[in-house]
Amino acid sequence: MRTWKDIPELCDKERFSTLLAEEGSFARIAQRVGCDRMSVRRAAQAHGVHSPYFVVPKFLRGRG
């Protein structure tokens, strides 16, 4: 089974940051490099990189 360490785009912090800027989300990166979204998330955690998107939890949606 492949892990994020087996994918060159995810191992290098600079390449990963560039890829995140281009694709915009972990799911799109996973689809592009052919791995699981969780692998992309683990690579981001290892590199200290955060997704540019903030997800609002369902219980907070609609409050105003």
N, C-alpha and C. Protein backbone atom coordinates (compact mmCIF):
# COMPACT_ATOMS: atom_id res chain seq x y z
N MET A 1 0.84 -1.18 0.00
CA MET A 1 0.00 0.00 0.00
C MET A 1 0.89 1.24 0.00
N ARG A 2 0.54 2.22 -0.83
CA ARG A 2 1.31 3.45 -0.92
C ARG A 2 0.93 4.40 0.20
N THR A 3 1.94 5.03 0.76
CA THR A 3 1.71 6.08 1.74
C THR A 3 2.15 7.40 1.13
N TRP A 4 1.94 8.50 1.85
CA TRP A 4 2.30 9.81 1.31
C TRP A 4 3.80 9.91 1.10
N LYS A 5 4.59 9.13 1.84
CA LYS A 5 6.05 9.17 1.69
C LYS A 5 6.52 8.53 0.40
N ASP A 6 5.64 7.77 -0.26
CA ASP A 6 5.98 7.11 -1.53
C ASP A 6 5.65 7.98 -2.74
N ILE A 7 5.04 9.14 -2.52
CA ILE A 7 4.61 10.00 -3.61
C ILE A 7 5.48 11.26 -3.61
N PRO A 8 6.31 11.44 -4.65
CA PRO A 8 7.26 12.56 -4.67
C PRO A 8 6.62 13.93 -4.48
N GLU A 9 5.43 14.13 -5.03
CA GLU A 9 4.75 15.42 -4.92
C GLU A 9 4.38 15.75 -3.48
N LEU A 10 4.17 14.72 -2.67
CA LEU A 10 3.77 14.93 -1.29
C LEU A 10 4.96 14.97 -0.33
N CYS A 11 6.08 14.40 -0.73
CA CYS A 11 7.26 14.36 0.15
C CYS A 11 7.96 15.71 0.26
N ASP A 12 8.02 16.45 -0.82
CA ASP A 12 8.72 17.73 -0.84
C ASP A 12 7.76 18.85 -0.43
N LYS A 13 8.13 19.61 0.59
CA LYS A 13 7.24 20.66 1.12
C LYS A 13 6.96 21.73 0.07
N GLU A 14 7.96 22.13 -0.70
CA GLU A 14 7.76 23.18 -1.72
C GLU A 14 6.82 22.70 -2.81
N ARG A 15 7.03 21.48 -3.29
CA ARG A 15 6.16 20.92 -4.34
C ARG A 15 4.74 20.76 -3.81
N PHE A 16 4.64 20.32 -2.56
CA PHE A 16 3.32 20.14 -1.95
C PHE A 16 2.59 21.47 -1.84
N SER A 17 3.30 22.50 -1.38
CA SER A 17 2.67 23.83 -1.23
C SER A 17 2.22 24.37 -2.58
N THR A 18 3.03 24.17 -3.60
CA THR A 18 2.66 24.61 -4.95
C THR A 18 1.43 23.86 -5.44
N LEU A 19 1.42 22.57 -5.22
CA LEU A 19 0.29 21.74 -5.63
C LEU A 19 -0.99 22.15 -4.90
N LEU A 20 -0.87 22.47 -3.62
CA LEU A 20 -2.03 22.92 -2.86
C LEU A 20 -2.55 24.26 -3.38
N ALA A 21 -1.65 25.14 -3.76
CA ALA A 21 -2.06 26.43 -4.31
C ALA A 21 -2.76 26.25 -5.66
N GLU A 22 -2.29 25.31 -6.46
CA GLU A 22 -2.90 25.05 -7.77
C GLU A 22 -4.26 24.37 -7.65
N GLU A 23 -4.34 23.34 -6.83
CA GLU A 23 -5.56 22.53 -6.74
C GLU A 23 -6.56 23.07 -5.73
N GLY A 24 -6.08 23.62 -4.64
CA GLY A 24 -6.96 24.26 -3.68
C GLY A 24 -7.54 23.40 -2.58
N SER A 25 -7.50 22.08 -2.73
CA SER A 25 -8.06 21.22 -1.68
C SER A 25 -7.32 19.89 -1.64
N PHE A 26 -7.40 19.24 -0.48
CA PHE A 26 -6.76 17.94 -0.32
C PHE A 26 -7.39 16.90 -1.24
N ALA A 27 -8.70 16.97 -1.42
CA ALA A 27 -9.39 16.00 -2.28
C ALA A 27 -8.92 16.11 -3.73
N ARG A 28 -8.74 17.32 -4.21
CA ARG A 28 -8.29 17.50 -5.60
C ARG A 28 -6.85 17.04 -5.77
N ILE A 29 -6.01 17.29 -4.77
CA ILE A 29 -4.63 16.81 -4.83
C ILE A 29 -4.61 15.29 -4.87
N ALA A 30 -5.41 14.67 -4.01
CA ALA A 30 -5.47 13.21 -3.97
C ALA A 30 -5.89 12.64 -5.31
N GLN A 31 -6.86 13.25 -5.94
CA GLN A 31 -7.32 12.79 -7.25
C GLN A 31 -6.22 12.97 -8.29
N ARG A 32 -5.50 14.06 -8.22
CA ARG A 32 -4.45 14.36 -9.20
C ARG A 32 -3.27 13.40 -9.09
N VAL A 33 -2.83 13.11 -7.86
CA VAL A 33 -1.65 12.25 -7.70
C VAL A 33 -2.00 10.78 -7.55
N GLY A 34 -3.29 10.47 -7.40
CA GLY A 34 -3.73 9.08 -7.34
C GLY A 34 -3.54 8.42 -6.00
N CYS A 35 -3.95 9.11 -4.95
CA CYS A 35 -3.86 8.53 -3.61
C CYS A 35 -5.11 8.90 -2.82
N ASP A 36 -5.15 8.49 -1.57
CA ASP A 36 -6.27 8.77 -0.69
C ASP A 36 -6.17 10.18 -0.12
N ARG A 37 -7.29 10.82 0.14
CA ARG A 37 -7.31 12.17 0.70
C ARG A 37 -6.61 12.22 2.05
N MET A 38 -6.73 11.15 2.82
CA MET A 38 -6.09 11.09 4.13
C MET A 38 -4.56 11.12 4.00
N SER A 39 -4.03 10.54 2.93
CA SER A 39 -2.59 10.60 2.71
C SER A 39 -2.14 12.04 2.48
N VAL A 40 -2.93 12.80 1.75
CA VAL A 40 -2.62 14.20 1.51
C VAL A 40 -2.70 14.97 2.83
N ARG A 41 -3.68 14.66 3.62
CA ARG A 41 -3.84 15.34 4.91
C ARG A 41 -2.66 15.05 5.84
N ARG A 42 -2.21 13.81 5.84
CA ARG A 42 -1.06 13.45 6.68
C ARG A 42 0.21 14.16 6.21
N ALA A 43 0.38 14.28 4.91
CA ALA A 43 1.54 15.00 4.37
C ALA A 43 1.47 16.46 4.79
N ALA A 44 0.29 17.04 4.73
CA ALA A 44 0.13 18.44 5.13
C ALA A 44 0.48 18.63 6.60
N GLN A 45 0.04 17.72 7.44
CA GLN A 45 0.36 17.79 8.86
C GLN A 45 1.85 17.66 9.09
N ALA A 46 2.50 16.76 8.36
CA ALA A 46 3.93 16.55 8.52
C ALA A 46 4.73 17.79 8.11
N HIS A 47 4.25 18.49 7.08
CA HIS A 47 4.93 19.68 6.58
C HIS A 47 4.50 20.95 7.29
N GLY A 48 3.46 20.87 8.09
CA GLY A 48 2.95 22.06 8.77
C GLY A 48 2.22 23.00 7.83
N VAL A 49 1.60 22.44 6.79
CA VAL A 49 0.87 23.22 5.78
C VAL A 49 -0.62 23.06 6.05
N HIS A 50 -1.37 24.14 5.92
CA HIS A 50 -2.81 24.11 6.15
C HIS A 50 -3.56 24.37 4.86
N SER A 51 -4.75 23.80 4.77
CA SER A 51 -5.61 24.02 3.61
C SER A 51 -6.07 25.47 3.59
N PRO A 52 -6.17 26.06 2.41
CA PRO A 52 -6.63 27.45 2.33
C PRO A 52 -8.10 27.62 2.65
N TYR A 53 -8.83 26.51 2.78
CA TYR A 53 -10.26 26.59 3.04
C TYR A 53 -10.56 26.28 4.49
N PHE A 54 -11.53 26.96 5.02
CA PHE A 54 -12.01 26.70 6.37
C PHE A 54 -13.40 26.12 6.25
N VAL A 55 -13.61 24.96 6.81
CA VAL A 55 -14.90 24.29 6.73
C VAL A 55 -15.69 24.61 7.99
N VAL A 56 -16.89 25.12 7.80
CA VAL A 56 -17.78 25.44 8.92
C VAL A 56 -18.57 24.18 9.27
N PRO A 57 -18.49 23.75 10.52
CA PRO A 57 -19.24 22.55 10.92
C PRO A 57 -20.75 22.72 10.70
N LYS A 58 -21.44 21.62 10.44
CA LYS A 58 -22.86 21.67 10.14
C LYS A 58 -23.68 22.33 11.26
N PHE A 59 -23.30 22.08 12.52
CA PHE A 59 -24.09 22.63 13.61
C PHE A 59 -23.95 24.16 13.72
N LEU A 60 -22.94 24.73 13.07
CA LEU A 60 -22.79 26.18 13.09
C LEU A 60 -23.40 26.86 11.87
N ARG A 61 -23.68 26.09 10.85
CA ARG A 61 -24.28 26.64 9.64
C ARG A 61 -25.69 27.11 9.95
N GLY A 62 -26.07 28.23 9.42
CA GLY A 62 -27.43 28.73 9.62
C GLY A 62 -27.60 29.58 10.85
N ARG A 63 -26.59 29.61 11.68
CA ARG A 63 -26.68 30.50 12.84
C ARG A 63 -26.31 31.90 12.39
N GLY A 64 -26.94 32.87 12.92
CA GLY A 64 -26.64 34.21 12.45
C GLY A 64 -26.85 35.28 13.36
